[in-house]
Amino acid sequence: MTPGATGSVVTMHIGELAEKTGLSLRTIRHYDEVIDLRQGGGADADNVESRHQLDAFITDTVTRRQRLQDQLGMADEFLALLCAQ
């Protein structure tokens, strides 16, 4: 959700988010569940587990981002080769 120009909240449908991010609906729903668990607060076992899930999500996101960055670097290199022709 992002603030709109009038201060209202603009929501994005899950299908639109999946399309924009390249993530599956299942993955987005899983991440949403993890975030919901984290926002529940408390120091019980469920919260500890949700923290582990969130940490795993962060690690996975960093890995995916690095993979995309590497692919972008290869695409830039390929484009430079094409432009040099």
PDB file of N, CA and C in Angstrom:
ATOM      1  N   MET A   1       0.835  -1.171   0.000  1.00  0.00           N
ATOM      2  CA  MET A   1       0.000   0.000   0.000  1.00  0.00           C
ATOM      3  C   MET A   1       0.882   1.236   0.000  1.00  0.00           C
ATOM      4  N   THR A   2       0.460   2.223  -0.753  1.00  0.00           N
ATOM      5  CA  THR A   2       1.198   3.471  -0.812  1.00  0.00           C
ATOM      6  C   THR A   2       0.241   4.625  -0.611  1.00  0.00           C
ATOM      7  N   PRO A   3       0.725   5.708  -0.003  1.00  0.00           N
ATOM      8  CA  PRO A   3      -0.165   6.849   0.182  1.00  0.00           C
ATOM      9  C   PRO A   3      -0.501   7.486  -1.158  1.00  0.00           C
ATOM     10  N   GLY A   4      -1.736   7.858  -1.322  1.00  0.00           N
ATOM     11  CA  GLY A   4      -2.157   8.545  -2.532  1.00  0.00           C
ATOM     12  C   GLY A   4      -1.911  10.036  -2.410  1.00  0.00           C
ATOM     13  N   ALA A   5      -2.194  10.766  -3.460  1.00  0.00           N
ATOM     14  CA  ALA A   5      -1.955  12.199  -3.483  1.00  0.00           C
ATOM     15  C   ALA A   5      -2.812  12.927  -2.458  1.00  0.00           C
ATOM     16  N   THR A   6      -3.971  12.390  -2.125  1.00  0.00           N
ATOM     17  CA  THR A   6      -4.862  13.048  -1.184  1.00  0.00           C
ATOM     18  C   THR A   6      -4.694  12.518   0.233  1.00  0.00           C
ATOM     19  N   GLY A   7      -3.679  11.697   0.457  1.00  0.00           N
ATOM     20  CA  GLY A   7      -3.459  11.126   1.776  1.00  0.00           C
ATOM     21  C   GLY A   7      -4.175   9.807   1.974  1.00  0.00           C
ATOM     22  N   SER A   8      -5.006   9.404   1.019  1.00  0.00           N
ATOM     23  CA  SER A   8      -5.673   8.115   1.134  1.00  0.00           C
ATOM     24  C   SER A   8      -4.694   7.006   0.768  1.00  0.00           C
ATOM     25  N   VAL A   9      -5.050   5.797   1.123  1.00  0.00           N
ATOM     26  CA  VAL A   9      -4.185   4.655   0.843  1.00  0.00           C
ATOM     27  C   VAL A   9      -4.630   4.004  -0.456  1.00  0.00           C
ATOM     28  N   VAL A  10      -3.676   3.766  -1.339  1.00  0.00           N
ATOM     29  CA  VAL A  10      -3.945   3.087  -2.597  1.00  0.00           C
ATOM     30  C   VAL A  10      -3.498   1.643  -2.440  1.00  0.00           C
ATOM     31  N   THR A  11      -4.386   0.706  -2.733  1.00  0.00           N
ATOM     32  CA  THR A  11      -4.033  -0.707  -2.594  1.00  0.00           C
ATOM     33  C   THR A  11      -3.763  -1.311  -3.966  1.00  0.00           C
ATOM     34  N   MET A  12      -2.998  -2.381  -3.946  1.00  0.00           N
ATOM     35  CA  MET A  12      -2.671  -3.102  -5.171  1.00  0.00           C
ATOM     36  C   MET A  12      -3.214  -4.515  -5.019  1.00  0.00           C
ATOM     37  N   HIS A  13      -3.879  -5.001  -6.047  1.00  0.00           N
ATOM     38  CA  HIS A  13      -4.388  -6.367  -6.021  1.00  0.00           C
ATOM     39  C   HIS A  13      -3.225  -7.351  -6.116  1.00  0.00           C
ATOM     40  N   ILE A  14      -3.414  -8.516  -5.530  1.00  0.00           N
ATOM     41  CA  ILE A  14      -2.336  -9.495  -5.455  1.00  0.00           C
ATOM     42  C   ILE A  14      -1.859  -9.933  -6.846  1.00  0.00           C
ATOM     43  N   GLY A  15      -2.775 -10.039  -7.801  1.00  0.00           N
ATOM     44  CA  GLY A  15      -2.386 -10.414  -9.157  1.00  0.00           C
ATOM     45  C   GLY A  15      -1.491  -9.367  -9.804  1.00  0.00           C
ATOM     46  N   GLU A  16      -1.805  -8.099  -9.555  1.00  0.00           N
ATOM     47  CA  GLU A  16      -0.990  -7.002 -10.080  1.00  0.00           C
ATOM     48  C   GLU A  16       0.397  -7.029  -9.451  1.00  0.00           C
ATOM     49  N   LEU A  17       0.449  -7.275  -8.137  1.00  0.00           N
ATOM     50  CA  LEU A  17       1.735  -7.366  -7.448  1.00  0.00           C
ATOM     51  C   LEU A  17       2.556  -8.528  -7.998  1.00  0.00           C
ATOM     52  N   ALA A  18       1.910  -9.661  -8.214  1.00  0.00           N
ATOM     53  CA  ALA A  18       2.610 -10.837  -8.754  1.00  0.00           C
ATOM     54  C   ALA A  18       3.187 -10.520 -10.124  1.00  0.00           C
ATOM     55  N   GLU A  19       2.408  -9.842 -10.946  1.00  0.00           N
ATOM     56  CA  GLU A  19       2.874  -9.504 -12.292  1.00  0.00           C
ATOM     57  C   GLU A  19       4.056  -8.534 -12.234  1.00  0.00           C
ATOM     58  N   LYS A  20       3.974  -7.537 -11.372  1.00  0.00           N
ATOM     59  CA  LYS A  20       5.036  -6.525 -11.296  1.00  0.00           C
ATOM     60  C   LYS A  20       6.319  -7.073 -10.694  1.00  0.00           C
ATOM     61  N   THR A  21       6.210  -8.022  -9.766  1.00  0.00           N
ATOM     62  CA  THR A  21       7.395  -8.536  -9.084  1.00  0.00           C
ATOM     63  C   THR A  21       7.946  -9.816  -9.692  1.00  0.00           C
ATOM     64  N   GLY A  22       7.112 -10.510 -10.472  1.00  0.00           N
ATOM     65  CA  GLY A  22       7.544 -11.785 -11.021  1.00  0.00           C
ATOM     66  C   GLY A  22       7.447 -12.925 -10.017  1.00  0.00           C
ATOM     67  N   LEU A  23       6.792 -12.683  -8.888  1.00  0.00           N
ATOM     68  CA  LEU A  23       6.607 -13.713  -7.868  1.00  0.00           C
ATOM     69  C   LEU A  23       5.267 -14.410  -8.101  1.00  0.00           C
ATOM     70  N   SER A  24       5.164 -15.650  -7.648  1.00  0.00           N
ATOM     71  CA  SER A  24       3.909 -16.376  -7.783  1.00  0.00           C
ATOM     72  C   SER A  24       2.919 -15.893  -6.726  1.00  0.00           C
ATOM     73  N   LEU A  25       1.638 -16.123  -6.989  1.00  0.00           N
ATOM     74  CA  LEU A  25       0.612 -15.768  -6.009  1.00  0.00           C
ATOM     75  C   LEU A  25       0.852 -16.517  -4.701  1.00  0.00           C
ATOM     76  N   ARG A  26       1.244 -17.766  -4.804  1.00  0.00           N
ATOM     77  CA  ARG A  26       1.506 -18.582  -3.616  1.00  0.00           C
ATOM     78  C   ARG A  26       2.621 -17.967  -2.768  1.00  0.00           C
ATOM     79  N   THR A  27       3.690 -17.525  -3.423  1.00  0.00           N
ATOM     80  CA  THR A  27       4.807 -16.925  -2.706  1.00  0.00           C
ATOM     81  C   THR A  27       4.374 -15.638  -2.011  1.00  0.00           C
ATOM     82  N   ILE A  28       3.633 -14.807  -2.722  1.00  0.00           N
ATOM     83  CA  ILE A  28       3.177 -13.550  -2.132  1.00  0.00           C
ATOM     84  C   ILE A  28       2.271 -13.814  -0.936  1.00  0.00           C
ATOM     85  N   ARG A  29       1.381 -14.779  -1.063  1.00  0.00           N
ATOM     86  CA  ARG A  29       0.494 -15.105   0.066  1.00  0.00           C
ATOM     87  C   ARG A  29       1.308 -15.606   1.263  1.00  0.00           C
ATOM     88  N   HIS A  30       2.329 -16.407   1.001  1.00  0.00           N
ATOM     89  CA  HIS A  30       3.176 -16.906   2.083  1.00  0.00           C
ATOM     90  C   HIS A  30       3.878 -15.735   2.776  1.00  0.00           C
ATOM     91  N   TYR A  31       4.460 -14.848   1.998  1.00  0.00           N
ATOM     92  CA  TYR A  31       5.151 -13.697   2.579  1.00  0.00           C
ATOM     93  C   TYR A  31       4.190 -12.817   3.366  1.00  0.00           C
ATOM     94  N   ASP A  32       2.976 -12.671   2.865  1.00  0.00           N
ATOM     95  CA  ASP A  32       1.967 -11.883   3.557  1.00  0.00           C
ATOM     96  C   ASP A  32       1.631 -12.508   4.915  1.00  0.00           C
ATOM     97  N   GLU A  33       1.548 -13.832   4.949  1.00  0.00           N
ATOM     98  CA  GLU A  33       1.289 -14.533   6.212  1.00  0.00           C
ATOM     99  C   GLU A  33       2.425 -14.300   7.204  1.00  0.00           C
ATOM    100  N   VAL A  34       3.655 -14.358   6.718  1.00  0.00           N
ATOM    101  CA  VAL A  34       4.812 -14.138   7.590  1.00  0.00           C
ATOM    102  C   VAL A  34       4.776 -12.729   8.162  1.00  0.00           C
ATOM    103  N   ILE A  35       4.478 -11.752   7.327  1.00  0.00           N
ATOM    104  CA  ILE A  35       4.418 -10.365   7.786  1.00  0.00           C
ATOM    105  C   ILE A  35       3.291 -10.199   8.803  1.00  0.00           C
ATOM    106  N   ASP A  36       2.137 -10.818   8.541  1.00  0.00           N
ATOM    107  CA  ASP A  36       1.026 -10.756   9.488  1.00  0.00           C
ATOM    108  C   ASP A  36       1.431 -11.341  10.841  1.00  0.00           C
ATOM    109  N   LEU A  37       2.153 -12.457  10.816  1.00  0.00           N
ATOM    110  CA  LEU A  37       2.620 -13.067  12.059  1.00  0.00           C
ATOM    111  C   LEU A  37       3.564 -12.128  12.807  1.00  0.00           C
ATOM    112  N   ARG A  38       4.461 -11.479  12.065  1.00  0.00           N
ATOM    113  CA  ARG A  38       5.431 -10.566  12.674  1.00  0.00           C
ATOM    114  C   ARG A  38       4.742  -9.375  13.313  1.00  0.00           C
ATOM    115  N   GLN A  39       3.700  -8.894  12.713  1.00  0.00           N
ATOM    116  CA  GLN A  39       3.017  -7.724  13.243  1.00  0.00           C
ATOM    117  C   GLN A  39       2.191  -8.067  14.474  1.00  0.00           C
ATOM    118  N   GLY A  40       2.001  -9.380  14.730  1.00  0.00           N
ATOM    119  CA  GLY A  40       1.250  -9.810  15.901  1.00  0.00           C
ATOM    120  C   GLY A  40       1.967  -9.493  17.199  1.00  0.00           C
ATOM    121  N   GLY A  41       3.307  -9.415  17.159  1.00  0.00           N
ATOM    122  CA  GLY A  41       4.086  -9.069  18.342  1.00  0.00           C
ATOM    123  C   GLY A  41       4.167 -10.194  19.347  1.00  0.00           C
ATOM    124  N   GLY A  42       4.684  -9.885  20.515  1.00  0.00           N
ATOM    125  CA  GLY A  42       4.826 -10.869  21.570  1.00  0.00           C
ATOM    126  C   GLY A  42       6.135 -11.622  21.473  1.00  0.00           C
ATOM    127  N   ALA A  43       6.458 -12.396  22.525  1.00  0.00           N
ATOM    128  CA  ALA A  43       7.720 -13.135  22.557  1.00  0.00           C
ATOM    129  C   ALA A  43       7.483 -14.630  22.687  1.00  0.00           C
ATOM    130  N   ASP A  44       6.325 -15.105  22.240  1.00  0.00           N
ATOM    131  CA  ASP A  44       6.030 -16.523  22.360  1.00  0.00           C
ATOM    132  C   ASP A  44       6.680 -17.324  21.234  1.00  0.00           C
ATOM    133  N   ALA A  45       6.482 -18.628  21.270  1.00  0.00           N
ATOM    134  CA  ALA A  45       7.117 -19.520  20.292  1.00  0.00           C
ATOM    135  C   ALA A  45       6.671 -19.209  18.865  1.00  0.00           C
ATOM    136  N   ASP A  46       5.399 -18.848  18.686  1.00  0.00           N
ATOM    137  CA  ASP A  46       4.917 -18.498  17.349  1.00  0.00           C
ATOM    138  C   ASP A  46       5.661 -17.289  16.810  1.00  0.00           C
ATOM    139  N   ASN A  47       5.933 -16.318  17.679  1.00  0.00           N
ATOM    140  CA  ASN A  47       6.637 -15.116  17.241  1.00  0.00           C
ATOM    141  C   ASN A  47       8.085 -15.438  16.882  1.00  0.00           C
ATOM    142  N   VAL A  48       8.704 -16.329  17.638  1.00  0.00           N
ATOM    143  CA  VAL A  48      10.076 -16.742  17.330  1.00  0.00           C
ATOM    144  C   VAL A  48      10.105 -17.437  15.967  1.00  0.00           C
ATOM    145  N   GLU A  49       9.140 -18.308  15.734  1.00  0.00           N
ATOM    146  CA  GLU A  49       9.057 -18.995  14.448  1.00  0.00           C
ATOM    147  C   GLU A  49       8.813 -18.003  13.324  1.00  0.00           C
ATOM    148  N   SER A  50       7.935 -17.035  13.546  1.00  0.00           N
ATOM    149  CA  SER A  50       7.666 -16.057  12.495  1.00  0.00           C
ATOM    150  C   SER A  50       8.907 -15.213  12.214  1.00  0.00           C
ATOM    151  N   ARG A  51       9.720 -14.953  13.239  1.00  0.00           N
ATOM    152  CA  ARG A  51      10.970 -14.210  13.024  1.00  0.00           C
ATOM    153  C   ARG A  51      11.928 -15.026  12.159  1.00  0.00           C
ATOM    154  N   HIS A  52      11.980 -16.331  12.415  1.00  0.00           N
ATOM    155  CA  HIS A  52      12.817 -17.211  11.587  1.00  0.00           C
ATOM    156  C   HIS A  52      12.318 -17.220  10.142  1.00  0.00           C
ATOM    157  N   GLN A  53      11.006 -17.262   9.975  1.00  0.00           N
ATOM    158  CA  GLN A  53      10.434 -17.240   8.626  1.00  0.00           C
ATOM    159  C   GLN A  53      10.752 -15.915   7.934  1.00  0.00           C
ATOM    160  N   LEU A  54      10.640 -14.815   8.676  1.00  0.00           N
ATOM    161  CA  LEU A  54      10.949 -13.510   8.099  1.00  0.00           C
ATOM    162  C   LEU A  54      12.423 -13.415   7.729  1.00  0.00           C
ATOM    163  N   ASP A  55      13.296 -13.917   8.588  1.00  0.00           N
ATOM    164  CA  ASP A  55      14.731 -13.922   8.282  1.00  0.00           C
ATOM    165  C   ASP A  55      15.020 -14.741   7.027  1.00  0.00           C
ATOM    166  N   ALA A  56      14.342 -15.871   6.882  1.00  0.00           N
ATOM    167  CA  ALA A  56      14.523 -16.696   5.686  1.00  0.00           C
ATOM    168  C   ALA A  56      14.013 -15.961   4.452  1.00  0.00           C
ATOM    169  N   PHE A  57      12.909 -15.259   4.599  1.00  0.00           N
ATOM    170  CA  PHE A  57      12.367 -14.457   3.503  1.00  0.00           C
ATOM    171  C   PHE A  57      13.350 -13.373   3.086  1.00  0.00           C
ATOM    172  N   ILE A  58      13.941 -12.701   4.049  1.00  0.00           N
ATOM    173  CA  ILE A  58      14.918 -11.652   3.755  1.00  0.00           C
ATOM    174  C   ILE A  58      16.118 -12.242   3.024  1.00  0.00           C
ATOM    175  N   THR A  59      16.625 -13.362   3.509  1.00  0.00           N
ATOM    176  CA  THR A  59      17.763 -14.024   2.861  1.00  0.00           C
ATOM    177  C   THR A  59      17.413 -14.415   1.431  1.00  0.00           C
ATOM    178  N   ASP A  60      16.226 -14.981   1.241  1.00  0.00           N
ATOM    179  CA  ASP A  60      15.784 -15.377  -0.094  1.00  0.00           C
ATOM    180  C   ASP A  60      15.657 -14.153  -1.005  1.00  0.00           C
ATOM    181  N   THR A  61      15.139 -13.062  -0.475  1.00  0.00           N
ATOM    182  CA  THR A  61      14.978 -11.840  -1.260  1.00  0.00           C
ATOM    183  C   THR A  61      16.322 -11.276  -1.670  1.00  0.00           C
ATOM    184  N   VAL A  62      17.291 -11.283  -0.780  1.00  0.00           N
ATOM    185  CA  VAL A  62      18.642 -10.812  -1.101  1.00  0.00           C
ATOM    186  C   VAL A  62      19.248 -11.682  -2.203  1.00  0.00           C
ATOM    187  N   THR A  63      19.066 -12.986  -2.092  1.00  0.00           N
ATOM    188  CA  THR A  63      19.586 -13.913  -3.100  1.00  0.00           C
ATOM    189  C   THR A  63      18.943 -13.663  -4.464  1.00  0.00           C
ATOM    190  N   ARG A  64      17.618 -13.509  -4.478  1.00  0.00           N
ATOM    191  CA  ARG A  64      16.914 -13.246  -5.734  1.00  0.00           C
ATOM    192  C   ARG A  64      17.355 -11.924  -6.346  1.00  0.00           C
ATOM    193  N   ARG A  65      17.543 -10.910  -5.499  1.00  0.00           N
ATOM    194  CA  ARG A  65      17.968  -9.611  -5.986  1.00  0.00           C
ATOM    195  C   ARG A  65      19.361  -9.708  -6.603  1.00  0.00           C
ATOM    196  N   GLN A  66      20.253 -10.432  -5.963  1.00  0.00           N
ATOM    197  CA  GLN A  66      21.605 -10.596  -6.487  1.00  0.00           C
ATOM    198  C   GLN A  66      21.579 -11.314  -7.834  1.00  0.00           C
ATOM    199  N   ARG A  67      20.744 -12.342  -7.938  1.00  0.00           N
ATOM    200  CA  ARG A  67      20.616 -13.072  -9.200  1.00  0.00           C
ATOM    201  C   ARG A  67      20.124 -12.136 -10.306  1.00  0.00           C
ATOM    202  N   LEU A  68      19.140 -11.307  -9.993  1.00  0.00           N
ATOM    203  CA  LEU A  68      18.636 -10.348 -10.980  1.00  0.00           C
ATOM    204  C   LEU A  68      19.699  -9.320 -11.348  1.00  0.00           C
ATOM    205  N   GLN A  69      20.460  -8.877 -10.361  1.00  0.00           N
ATOM    206  CA  GLN A  69      21.532  -7.920 -10.622  1.00  0.00           C
ATOM    207  C   GLN A  69      22.594  -8.535 -11.534  1.00  0.00           C
ATOM    208  N   ASP A  70      22.929  -9.793 -11.296  1.00  0.00           N
ATOM    209  CA  ASP A  70      23.892 -10.497 -12.155  1.00  0.00           C
ATOM    210  C   ASP A  70      23.359 -10.618 -13.581  1.00  0.00           C
ATOM    211  N   GLN A  71      22.077 -10.959 -13.705  1.00  0.00           N
ATOM    212  CA  GLN A  71      21.475 -11.087 -15.028  1.00  0.00           C
ATOM    213  C   GLN A  71      21.451  -9.743 -15.749  1.00  0.00           C
ATOM    214  N   LEU A  72      21.192  -8.692 -15.014  1.00  0.00           N
ATOM    215  CA  LEU A  72      21.198  -7.359 -15.608  1.00  0.00           C
ATOM    216  C   LEU A  72      22.594  -6.997 -16.090  1.00  0.00           C
ATOM    217  N   GLY A  73      23.613  -7.352 -15.321  1.00  0.00           N
ATOM    218  CA  GLY A  73      24.990  -7.108 -15.733  1.00  0.00           C
ATOM    219  C   GLY A  73      25.320  -7.843 -17.020  1.00  0.00           C
ATOM    220  N   MET A  74      24.859  -9.087 -17.128  1.00  0.00           N
ATOM    221  CA  MET A  74      25.095  -9.848 -18.361  1.00  0.00           C
ATOM    222  C   MET A  74      24.348  -9.222 -19.537  1.00  0.00           C
ATOM    223  N   ALA A  75      23.140  -8.753 -19.296  1.00  0.00           N
ATOM    224  CA  ALA A  75      22.370  -8.110 -20.360  1.00  0.00           C
ATOM    225  C   ALA A  75      23.056  -6.819 -20.802  1.00  0.00           C
ATOM    226  N   ASP A  76      23.581  -6.057 -19.857  1.00  0.00           N
ATOM    227  CA  ASP A  76      24.310  -4.829 -20.195  1.00  0.00           C
ATOM    228  C   ASP A  76      25.541  -5.138 -21.021  1.00  0.00           C
ATOM    229  N   GLU A  77      26.253  -6.194 -20.643  1.00  0.00           N
ATOM    230  CA  GLU A  77      27.445  -6.596 -21.397  1.00  0.00           C
ATOM    231  C   GLU A  77      27.082  -7.017 -22.821  1.00  0.00           C
ATOM    232  N   PHE A  78      26.013  -7.784 -22.955  1.00  0.00           N
ATOM    233  CA  PHE A  78      25.554  -8.230 -24.262  1.00  0.00           C
ATOM    234  C   PHE A  78      25.127  -7.036 -25.115  1.00  0.00           C
ATOM    235  N   LEU A  79      24.415  -6.102 -24.503  1.00  0.00           N
ATOM    236  CA  LEU A  79      23.979  -4.902 -25.219  1.00  0.00           C
ATOM    237  C   LEU A  79      25.180  -4.090 -25.695  1.00  0.00           C
ATOM    238  N   ALA A  80      26.205  -3.975 -24.866  1.00  0.00           N
ATOM    239  CA  ALA A  80      27.404  -3.242 -25.254  1.00  0.00           C
ATOM    240  C   ALA A  80      28.075  -3.913 -26.444  1.00  0.00           C
ATOM    241  N   LEU A  81      28.120  -5.251 -26.453  1.00  0.00           N
ATOM    242  CA  LEU A  81      28.677  -5.970 -27.588  1.00  0.00           C
ATOM    243  C   LEU A  81      27.887  -5.718 -28.867  1.00  0.00           C
ATOM    244  N   LEU A  82      26.576  -5.725 -28.746  1.00  0.00           N
ATOM    245  CA  LEU A  82      25.725  -5.469 -29.910  1.00  0.00           C
ATOM    246  C   LEU A  82      25.931  -4.042 -30.434  1.00  0.00           C
ATOM    247  N   CYS A  83      26.001  -3.095 -29.534  1.00  0.00           N
ATOM    248  CA  CYS A  83      26.161  -1.692 -29.924  1.00  0.00           C
ATOM    249  C   CYS A  83      27.532  -1.434 -30.541  1.00  0.00           C
ATOM    250  N   ALA A  84      28.519  -2.242 -30.199  1.00  0.00           N
ATOM    251  CA  ALA A  84      29.868  -2.074 -30.727  1.00  0.00           C
ATOM    252  C   ALA A  84      29.983  -2.602 -32.157  1.00  0.00           C
ATOM    253  N   GLN A  85      28.999  -3.332 -32.625  1.00  0.00           N
ATOM    254  CA  GLN A  85      29.029  -3.903 -33.985  1.00  0.00           C
ATOM    255  C   GLN A  85      28.823  -2.841 -35.037  1.00  0.00           C
TER     256      GLN A  85
END
